[in-house]
Amino acid sequence: MATAAGRTKVERSRAKVTGRIERLTDMMADGIGDYIEMKGRLQAALAERAEIDRRLEDIEVAPAIALQPNLAEAYRRNVEKLAEALNAPEMAAGEARLERKPSVRGAAMLP
């Protein structure tokens, strides 16, 4: 469940449990219900939220753009080659070409 949709589902669960915790503490503060029962429910809800927090930490958010590890170096080399080609007296500016394939091959958009 390492997807963005999975993370959203876990975050919704956390919000639901947090709401339950808030209602229980409000009821305890107002003296509504049996204190011992409320305390047990509150402890269970707090434990559930702690487990959800651990799951959220385990879910790795995918980066918006996955870059090649050597992308910066490849880009630097391409810029240097382009500068050399543009400054070469025997080559017109319109004839300058990069010898490498483009570094970015596509993009994926996620909601």
N, C-alpha and C. Protein backbone atom coordinates (compact mmCIF):
# COMPACT_ATOMS: atom_id res chain seq x y z
N MET A 1 0.84 -1.18 0.00
CA MET A 1 0.00 0.00 0.00
C MET A 1 0.88 1.24 0.00
N ALA A 2 1.86 1.28 -0.88
CA ALA A 2 2.80 2.38 -0.93
C ALA A 2 2.39 3.42 -1.95
N THR A 3 1.17 3.37 -2.45
CA THR A 3 0.72 4.32 -3.45
C THR A 3 0.13 5.55 -2.78
N ALA A 4 -0.07 6.56 -3.60
CA ALA A 4 -0.68 7.79 -3.09
C ALA A 4 -2.11 7.52 -2.61
N ALA A 5 -2.83 6.65 -3.33
CA ALA A 5 -4.20 6.32 -2.92
C ALA A 5 -4.19 5.58 -1.58
N GLY A 6 -3.22 4.70 -1.39
CA GLY A 6 -3.09 3.98 -0.13
C GLY A 6 -2.80 4.92 1.01
N ARG A 7 -1.93 5.90 0.76
CA ARG A 7 -1.60 6.88 1.80
C ARG A 7 -2.83 7.71 2.15
N THR A 8 -3.60 8.08 1.15
CA THR A 8 -4.80 8.87 1.39
C THR A 8 -5.79 8.09 2.24
N LYS A 9 -5.92 6.80 1.98
CA LYS A 9 -6.83 5.95 2.75
C LYS A 9 -6.40 5.89 4.22
N VAL A 10 -5.10 5.73 4.44
CA VAL A 10 -4.57 5.66 5.82
C VAL A 10 -4.75 7.01 6.51
N GLU A 11 -4.55 8.11 5.78
CA GLU A 11 -4.73 9.44 6.37
C GLU A 11 -6.20 9.66 6.76
N ARG A 12 -7.13 9.15 5.94
CA ARG A 12 -8.55 9.26 6.29
C ARG A 12 -8.86 8.47 7.55
N SER A 13 -8.26 7.29 7.67
CA SER A 13 -8.46 6.47 8.87
C SER A 13 -7.95 7.21 10.09
N ARG A 14 -6.81 7.87 9.95
CA ARG A 14 -6.23 8.61 11.07
C ARG A 14 -7.16 9.75 11.48
N ALA A 15 -7.71 10.46 10.50
CA ALA A 15 -8.63 11.57 10.81
C ALA A 15 -9.87 11.05 11.54
N LYS A 16 -10.37 9.90 11.12
CA LYS A 16 -11.55 9.31 11.76
C LYS A 16 -11.26 8.94 13.22
N VAL A 17 -10.10 8.32 13.45
CA VAL A 17 -9.72 7.93 14.82
C VAL A 17 -9.47 9.17 15.67
N THR A 18 -8.85 10.19 15.10
CA THR A 18 -8.61 11.43 15.85
C THR A 18 -9.93 12.07 16.26
N GLY A 19 -10.92 12.04 15.37
CA GLY A 19 -12.24 12.56 15.72
C GLY A 19 -12.86 11.78 16.87
N ARG A 20 -12.69 10.45 16.85
CA ARG A 20 -13.21 9.61 17.93
C ARG A 20 -12.52 9.97 19.25
N ILE A 21 -11.21 10.18 19.21
CA ILE A 21 -10.46 10.55 20.41
C ILE A 21 -10.98 11.87 20.97
N GLU A 22 -11.19 12.83 20.08
CA GLU A 22 -11.68 14.14 20.54
C GLU A 22 -13.07 14.03 21.16
N ARG A 23 -13.95 13.23 20.55
CA ARG A 23 -15.30 13.06 21.12
C ARG A 23 -15.23 12.38 22.48
N LEU A 24 -14.38 11.36 22.61
CA LEU A 24 -14.26 10.66 23.89
C LEU A 24 -13.73 11.59 24.98
N THR A 25 -12.72 12.39 24.65
CA THR A 25 -12.17 13.30 25.67
C THR A 25 -13.20 14.37 26.04
N ASP A 26 -13.97 14.83 25.05
CA ASP A 26 -15.03 15.80 25.36
C ASP A 26 -16.07 15.19 26.28
N MET A 27 -16.46 13.94 26.00
CA MET A 27 -17.45 13.27 26.84
C MET A 27 -16.91 13.06 28.25
N MET A 28 -15.64 12.70 28.37
CA MET A 28 -15.04 12.51 29.69
C MET A 28 -15.01 13.84 30.44
N ALA A 29 -14.65 14.92 29.73
CA ALA A 29 -14.57 16.23 30.37
C ALA A 29 -15.94 16.71 30.82
N ASP A 30 -16.98 16.35 30.07
CA ASP A 30 -18.34 16.75 30.41
C ASP A 30 -19.00 15.81 31.41
N GLY A 31 -18.30 14.73 31.77
CA GLY A 31 -18.85 13.79 32.75
C GLY A 31 -19.92 12.88 32.18
N ILE A 32 -19.94 12.71 30.88
CA ILE A 32 -20.94 11.85 30.24
C ILE A 32 -20.40 10.43 30.17
N GLY A 33 -21.19 9.45 30.56
CA GLY A 33 -20.80 8.06 30.46
C GLY A 33 -19.95 7.60 31.63
N ASP A 34 -19.65 6.31 31.60
CA ASP A 34 -18.85 5.68 32.64
C ASP A 34 -17.36 5.98 32.39
N TYR A 35 -16.69 6.56 33.38
CA TYR A 35 -15.30 6.98 33.23
C TYR A 35 -14.40 5.80 32.89
N ILE A 36 -14.55 4.67 33.55
CA ILE A 36 -13.69 3.51 33.32
C ILE A 36 -13.85 3.01 31.88
N GLU A 37 -15.10 2.93 31.42
CA GLU A 37 -15.35 2.48 30.05
C GLU A 37 -14.76 3.47 29.04
N MET A 38 -14.97 4.76 29.30
CA MET A 38 -14.45 5.79 28.40
C MET A 38 -12.92 5.76 28.35
N LYS A 39 -12.31 5.54 29.52
CA LYS A 39 -10.85 5.49 29.58
C LYS A 39 -10.33 4.32 28.73
N GLY A 40 -10.98 3.16 28.81
CA GLY A 40 -10.59 2.00 28.01
C GLY A 40 -10.73 2.27 26.52
N ARG A 41 -11.85 2.89 26.13
CA ARG A 41 -12.06 3.23 24.72
C ARG A 41 -11.03 4.24 24.23
N LEU A 42 -10.71 5.22 25.10
CA LEU A 42 -9.72 6.23 24.74
C LEU A 42 -8.35 5.60 24.55
N GLN A 43 -7.96 4.72 25.45
CA GLN A 43 -6.66 4.05 25.32
C GLN A 43 -6.60 3.23 24.03
N ALA A 44 -7.69 2.55 23.69
CA ALA A 44 -7.73 1.75 22.46
C ALA A 44 -7.61 2.66 21.23
N ALA A 45 -8.31 3.78 21.25
CA ALA A 45 -8.25 4.71 20.12
C ALA A 45 -6.86 5.33 19.99
N LEU A 46 -6.24 5.65 21.10
CA LEU A 46 -4.87 6.20 21.06
C LEU A 46 -3.89 5.18 20.51
N ALA A 47 -4.05 3.92 20.89
CA ALA A 47 -3.18 2.85 20.37
C ALA A 47 -3.41 2.67 18.87
N GLU A 48 -4.67 2.75 18.44
CA GLU A 48 -4.98 2.61 17.02
C GLU A 48 -4.35 3.75 16.22
N ARG A 49 -4.43 4.97 16.76
CA ARG A 49 -3.82 6.11 16.07
C ARG A 49 -2.31 5.98 16.01
N ALA A 50 -1.70 5.47 17.06
CA ALA A 50 -0.24 5.27 17.05
C ALA A 50 0.14 4.25 15.98
N GLU A 51 -0.65 3.20 15.82
CA GLU A 51 -0.38 2.20 14.77
C GLU A 51 -0.54 2.82 13.38
N ILE A 52 -1.55 3.65 13.21
CA ILE A 52 -1.74 4.33 11.93
C ILE A 52 -0.56 5.24 11.64
N ASP A 53 -0.07 5.95 12.66
CA ASP A 53 1.09 6.82 12.48
C ASP A 53 2.31 6.01 12.04
N ARG A 54 2.49 4.82 12.61
CA ARG A 54 3.61 3.95 12.18
C ARG A 54 3.44 3.54 10.73
N ARG A 55 2.21 3.23 10.33
CA ARG A 55 1.97 2.85 8.93
C ARG A 55 2.25 4.02 7.99
N LEU A 56 1.87 5.22 8.40
CA LEU A 56 2.13 6.40 7.58
C LEU A 56 3.62 6.63 7.40
N GLU A 57 4.41 6.38 8.45
CA GLU A 57 5.86 6.54 8.34
C GLU A 57 6.45 5.54 7.36
N ASP A 58 5.83 4.35 7.28
CA ASP A 58 6.34 3.30 6.40
C ASP A 58 6.00 3.54 4.93
N ILE A 59 4.95 4.31 4.70
CA ILE A 59 4.55 4.58 3.31
C ILE A 59 5.47 5.65 2.75
N GLU A 60 6.18 5.28 1.73
CA GLU A 60 7.10 6.23 1.09
C GLU A 60 6.34 6.95 -0.01
N VAL A 61 6.39 8.25 0.03
CA VAL A 61 5.73 9.04 -0.99
C VAL A 61 6.64 9.05 -2.23
N ALA A 62 6.07 8.68 -3.36
CA ALA A 62 6.84 8.66 -4.60
C ALA A 62 7.17 10.10 -5.00
N PRO A 63 8.40 10.32 -5.45
CA PRO A 63 8.76 11.68 -5.87
C PRO A 63 7.97 12.08 -7.11
N ALA A 64 7.72 13.36 -7.26
CA ALA A 64 6.96 13.85 -8.40
C ALA A 64 7.67 13.52 -9.71
N ILE A 65 8.97 13.64 -9.71
CA ILE A 65 9.78 13.31 -10.89
C ILE A 65 10.93 12.43 -10.43
N ALA A 66 11.00 11.24 -10.98
CA ALA A 66 12.11 10.34 -10.65
C ALA A 66 13.27 10.69 -11.58
N LEU A 67 14.33 11.21 -11.02
CA LEU A 67 15.47 11.64 -11.82
C LEU A 67 16.55 10.57 -11.85
N GLN A 68 17.29 10.58 -12.94
CA GLN A 68 18.44 9.69 -13.02
C GLN A 68 19.48 10.19 -12.03
N PRO A 69 20.23 9.27 -11.41
CA PRO A 69 21.23 9.71 -10.44
C PRO A 69 22.29 10.62 -11.05
N ASN A 70 22.62 10.43 -12.32
CA ASN A 70 23.68 11.23 -12.94
C ASN A 70 23.11 12.28 -13.88
N LEU A 71 21.87 12.68 -13.68
CA LEU A 71 21.23 13.62 -14.58
C LEU A 71 21.94 14.97 -14.61
N ALA A 72 22.36 15.46 -13.47
CA ALA A 72 23.03 16.77 -13.42
C ALA A 72 24.33 16.75 -14.20
N GLU A 73 25.10 15.67 -14.05
CA GLU A 73 26.37 15.55 -14.78
C GLU A 73 26.13 15.44 -16.28
N ALA A 74 25.14 14.66 -16.68
CA ALA A 74 24.82 14.51 -18.11
C ALA A 74 24.38 15.86 -18.69
N TYR A 75 23.59 16.60 -17.95
CA TYR A 75 23.13 17.91 -18.40
C TYR A 75 24.32 18.86 -18.55
N ARG A 76 25.22 18.85 -17.57
CA ARG A 76 26.41 19.71 -17.64
C ARG A 76 27.24 19.39 -18.88
N ARG A 77 27.44 18.09 -19.17
CA ARG A 77 28.22 17.69 -20.36
C ARG A 77 27.52 18.15 -21.64
N ASN A 78 26.19 18.01 -21.68
CA ASN A 78 25.44 18.45 -22.86
C ASN A 78 25.56 19.95 -23.08
N VAL A 79 25.49 20.71 -22.01
CA VAL A 79 25.62 22.17 -22.13
C VAL A 79 27.02 22.53 -22.61
N GLU A 80 28.05 21.86 -22.08
CA GLU A 80 29.42 22.12 -22.53
C GLU A 80 29.59 21.80 -24.01
N LYS A 81 29.04 20.67 -24.47
CA LYS A 81 29.13 20.30 -25.89
C LYS A 81 28.40 21.30 -26.76
N LEU A 82 27.24 21.74 -26.30
CA LEU A 82 26.48 22.72 -27.06
C LEU A 82 27.24 24.04 -27.15
N ALA A 83 27.85 24.47 -26.05
CA ALA A 83 28.62 25.72 -26.05
C ALA A 83 29.81 25.61 -27.01
N GLU A 84 30.48 24.45 -27.00
CA GLU A 84 31.61 24.25 -27.92
C GLU A 84 31.13 24.28 -29.37
N ALA A 85 30.00 23.62 -29.64
CA ALA A 85 29.47 23.58 -31.00
C ALA A 85 29.06 24.96 -31.48
N LEU A 86 28.45 25.73 -30.60
CA LEU A 86 28.02 27.08 -30.99
C LEU A 86 29.19 28.02 -31.20
N ASN A 87 30.29 27.77 -30.49
CA ASN A 87 31.47 28.63 -30.62
C ASN A 87 32.42 28.17 -31.71
N ALA A 88 32.18 27.00 -32.30
CA ALA A 88 33.07 26.49 -33.36
C ALA A 88 32.87 27.31 -34.62
N PRO A 89 33.97 27.78 -35.22
CA PRO A 89 33.83 28.63 -36.41
C PRO A 89 33.29 27.86 -37.63
N GLU A 90 33.55 26.57 -37.70
CA GLU A 90 33.12 25.82 -38.88
C GLU A 90 31.64 25.39 -38.82
N MET A 91 30.97 25.62 -37.71
CA MET A 91 29.59 25.16 -37.57
C MET A 91 28.68 26.35 -37.31
N ALA A 92 27.66 26.44 -38.10
CA ALA A 92 26.67 27.51 -37.90
C ALA A 92 25.80 27.14 -36.69
N ALA A 93 25.22 28.14 -36.05
CA ALA A 93 24.44 27.91 -34.84
C ALA A 93 23.29 26.94 -35.09
N GLY A 94 22.70 26.96 -36.25
CA GLY A 94 21.59 26.09 -36.56
C GLY A 94 21.99 24.63 -36.71
N GLU A 95 23.27 24.35 -36.87
CA GLU A 95 23.73 22.98 -37.07
C GLU A 95 24.17 22.30 -35.77
N ALA A 96 24.18 23.00 -34.67
CA ALA A 96 24.63 22.43 -33.40
C ALA A 96 23.64 21.38 -32.94
N ARG A 97 24.16 20.21 -32.59
CA ARG A 97 23.32 19.11 -32.13
C ARG A 97 23.94 18.47 -30.89
N LEU A 98 23.10 17.95 -30.02
CA LEU A 98 23.58 17.21 -28.87
C LEU A 98 23.71 15.75 -29.27
N GLU A 99 24.71 15.07 -28.75
CA GLU A 99 24.94 13.69 -29.10
C GLU A 99 24.20 12.72 -28.20
N ARG A 100 23.69 13.17 -27.08
CA ARG A 100 22.98 12.29 -26.14
C ARG A 100 21.48 12.33 -26.39
N LYS A 101 20.82 11.26 -25.94
CA LYS A 101 19.37 11.22 -25.97
C LYS A 101 18.86 12.19 -24.91
N PRO A 102 17.64 12.64 -25.06
CA PRO A 102 17.10 13.52 -24.01
C PRO A 102 17.10 12.84 -22.65
N SER A 103 17.34 13.58 -21.61
CA SER A 103 17.40 13.04 -20.27
C SER A 103 16.02 12.70 -19.72
N VAL A 104 15.03 13.44 -20.13
CA VAL A 104 13.67 13.19 -19.66
C VAL A 104 12.91 12.54 -20.81
N ARG A 105 12.37 11.35 -20.54
CA ARG A 105 11.70 10.60 -21.60
C ARG A 105 10.18 10.69 -21.49
N GLY A 106 9.68 11.16 -20.38
CA GLY A 106 8.24 11.24 -20.21
C GLY A 106 7.88 11.75 -18.83
N ALA A 107 6.63 11.98 -18.63
CA ALA A 107 6.15 12.45 -17.33
C ALA A 107 4.82 11.78 -17.03
N ALA A 108 4.60 11.49 -15.79
CA ALA A 108 3.35 10.90 -15.33
C ALA A 108 2.69 11.86 -14.36
N MET A 109 1.41 12.09 -14.54
CA MET A 109 0.68 12.99 -13.65
C MET A 109 -0.26 12.16 -12.80
N LEU A 110 -0.16 12.33 -11.51
CA LEU A 110 -1.00 11.61 -10.55
C LEU A 110 -1.88 12.60 -9.83
N PRO A 111 -3.11 12.21 -9.50
CA PRO A 111 -4.00 13.13 -8.79
C PRO A 111 -3.51 13.44 -7.39
